[in-house]
């Protein structure tokens, strides 16, 4: 199934749920908070799980420049510095996936948040020793997204 076909299905699924929806490679939630409030809640939730914000990248500017109509759209990069350095050193093939990322964008009066499912990294890298790390990331990201969704 192509991403364009999958997005409407995923939107239906997570609009009916009060918890993050994990669908294969993606984790998604919808928040009824406006974008600025959801962004602030997201940053607080990331910090409360012991992660540091690395950077926030604006995506909407590039999309608008290419002719796509979009409102507020950001990617929030976060992680634990020492952990990222250690993983990059031991497993350089993971570098493109570090730090962790959550995309957040406005959709009307709602805000949608998505992240890659870290559990899929186990299949990608065939590194059973990292299974506890990937499971912890999945749990933490799910809790972060649920915190944003349930903030109002």
Protein backbone atom coordinates (compact mmCIF):
# COMPACT_ATOMS: atom_id res chain seq x y z
CA UNK A 1 0.00 0.00 0.00
CA UNK A 2 1.35 3.43 -0.93
CA UNK A 3 1.81 6.15 1.67
CA UNK A 4 -0.87 8.33 0.02
CA UNK A 5 -3.33 5.45 0.42
CA UNK A 6 -2.25 4.66 3.96
CA UNK A 7 -2.53 8.19 5.40
CA UNK A 8 -6.37 8.45 5.23
CA UNK A 9 -6.71 5.03 6.88
CA UNK A 10 -4.27 6.00 9.61
CA UNK A 11 -6.12 9.29 10.16
CA UNK A 12 -9.39 7.42 10.65
CA UNK A 13 -7.78 4.98 13.05
CA UNK A 14 -6.13 7.54 15.29
CA UNK A 15 -9.06 9.93 15.23
CA UNK A 16 -11.11 7.22 16.94
CA UNK A 17 -8.46 6.49 19.57
CA UNK A 18 -7.51 8.28 22.75
CA UNK A 19 -4.05 6.70 22.60
CA UNK A 20 -1.25 6.67 20.09
CA UNK A 21 -1.93 4.34 17.22
CA UNK A 22 0.98 2.13 16.23
CA UNK A 23 0.53 0.95 12.66
CA UNK A 24 3.57 -0.95 11.45
CA UNK A 25 6.21 1.65 10.74
CA UNK A 26 4.38 4.67 12.18
CA UNK A 27 3.01 5.95 15.49
CA UNK A 28 0.38 8.70 15.25
CA UNK A 29 -1.92 10.81 17.40
CA UNK A 30 -4.32 13.67 16.87
CA UNK A 31 -4.50 16.44 19.46
CA UNK A 32 -7.36 18.89 19.74
CA UNK A 33 -4.87 21.48 21.01
CA UNK A 34 -3.87 24.24 18.62
CA UNK A 35 -0.42 23.91 17.12
CA UNK A 36 1.46 26.30 19.48
CA UNK A 37 0.06 24.63 22.61
CA UNK A 38 0.65 21.13 21.23
CA UNK A 39 4.23 22.08 20.34
CA UNK A 40 4.88 23.36 23.87
CA UNK A 41 3.32 20.23 25.38
CA UNK A 42 5.41 18.03 23.07
CA UNK A 43 8.63 19.70 24.16
CA UNK A 44 7.69 19.38 27.83
CA UNK A 45 6.75 15.70 27.38
CA UNK A 46 10.07 14.97 25.64
CA UNK A 47 12.02 16.58 28.48
CA UNK A 48 9.94 14.78 31.12
CA UNK A 49 11.08 11.44 29.67
CA UNK A 50 14.72 12.46 30.14
CA UNK A 51 15.48 13.43 26.54
CA UNK A 52 17.04 16.65 25.29
CA UNK A 53 15.77 18.61 22.33
CA UNK A 54 18.36 18.63 19.58
CA UNK A 55 16.66 20.97 17.13
CA UNK A 56 13.33 21.91 15.61
CA UNK A 57 13.25 22.01 11.83
CA UNK A 58 10.63 23.97 9.91
CA UNK A 59 9.24 21.90 7.06
CA UNK A 60 6.43 24.23 5.98
CA UNK A 61 8.76 26.78 4.37
CA UNK A 62 10.23 24.24 1.96
CA UNK A 63 6.83 22.74 1.15
CA UNK A 64 5.32 26.18 0.50
CA UNK A 65 8.28 27.06 -1.74
CA UNK A 66 7.53 23.94 -3.80
CA UNK A 67 3.89 24.95 -4.21
CA UNK A 68 2.33 22.78 -1.51
CA UNK A 69 -0.25 24.49 0.67
CA UNK A 70 0.60 23.77 4.28
CA UNK A 71 0.25 25.48 7.59
CA UNK A 72 2.57 24.89 10.52
CA UNK A 73 4.79 21.82 10.08
CA UNK A 74 7.88 21.00 12.16
CA UNK A 75 10.14 18.05 12.89
CA UNK A 76 11.36 17.87 16.49
CA UNK A 77 14.68 16.05 16.94
CA UNK A 78 15.49 14.69 20.39
CA UNK A 79 17.60 12.13 22.20
CA UNK A 80 20.01 11.43 24.99
CA UNK A 81 23.40 12.79 23.94
CA UNK A 82 25.64 10.09 25.38
CA UNK A 83 23.36 7.32 24.13
CA UNK A 84 23.32 8.76 20.60
CA UNK A 85 27.11 9.12 20.57
CA UNK A 86 27.57 5.55 21.82
CA UNK A 87 25.11 4.10 19.31
CA UNK A 88 26.64 6.06 16.42
CA UNK A 89 30.09 4.79 17.35
CA UNK A 90 29.06 1.13 17.83
CA UNK A 91 26.46 1.01 15.06
CA UNK A 92 27.33 3.58 12.39
CA UNK A 93 24.55 2.21 10.18
CA UNK A 94 22.09 3.81 12.65
CA UNK A 95 23.42 7.35 12.19
CA UNK A 96 20.71 8.36 9.64
CA UNK A 97 18.03 7.43 12.21
CA UNK A 98 19.51 9.40 15.10
CA UNK A 99 18.42 11.43 16.95
CA UNK A 100 14.78 10.38 17.30
CA UNK A 101 12.18 12.50 15.50
CA UNK A 102 8.55 13.49 15.85
CA UNK A 103 6.76 15.38 13.08
CA UNK A 104 4.07 17.80 14.24
CA UNK A 105 1.74 19.68 11.94
CA UNK A 106 -1.46 21.68 12.04
CA UNK A 107 -4.59 20.35 10.41
CA UNK A 108 -7.42 22.80 10.82
CA UNK A 109 -8.13 23.18 14.55
CA UNK A 110 -6.20 19.98 15.37
CA UNK A 111 -2.56 19.05 15.52
CA UNK A 112 -1.21 15.74 14.25
CA UNK A 113 1.96 14.12 15.52
CA UNK A 114 3.77 11.20 13.90
CA UNK A 115 6.95 9.28 14.53
CA UNK A 116 8.72 6.28 13.11
CA UNK A 117 8.13 3.10 15.10
CA UNK A 118 11.52 2.22 16.68
CA UNK A 119 10.48 -1.45 16.85
CA UNK A 120 11.05 -1.62 13.08
CA UNK A 121 14.75 -0.89 13.64
CA UNK A 122 15.23 -4.43 14.93
CA UNK A 123 14.23 -5.84 11.53
CA UNK A 124 16.28 -3.24 9.69
CA UNK A 125 19.54 -3.69 11.57
CA UNK A 126 19.39 -7.31 12.81
CA UNK A 127 20.85 -6.24 16.16
CA UNK A 128 19.12 -8.29 18.87
CA UNK A 129 21.27 -6.65 21.56
CA UNK A 130 19.51 -3.37 20.80
CA UNK A 131 16.00 -4.78 21.25
CA UNK A 132 15.66 -3.32 24.80
CA UNK A 133 16.70 0.13 23.52
CA UNK A 134 14.23 0.01 20.63
CA UNK A 135 11.45 -1.17 22.94
CA UNK A 136 12.22 1.62 25.42
CA UNK A 137 12.13 4.19 22.61
CA UNK A 138 8.78 2.83 21.42
CA UNK A 139 7.37 3.05 24.94
CA UNK A 140 8.76 6.56 25.50
CA UNK A 141 7.57 7.92 22.15
CA UNK A 142 4.12 6.42 22.71
CA UNK A 143 3.93 8.03 26.16
CA UNK A 144 5.16 11.36 24.78
CA UNK A 145 2.53 11.34 22.04
CA UNK A 146 -0.21 10.26 24.46
CA UNK A 147 0.77 13.15 26.78
CA UNK A 148 0.27 15.61 23.94
CA UNK A 149 -3.00 14.02 22.86
CA UNK A 150 -4.44 14.01 26.38
CA UNK A 151 -3.15 17.45 27.43
CA UNK A 152 -6.37 19.39 26.98
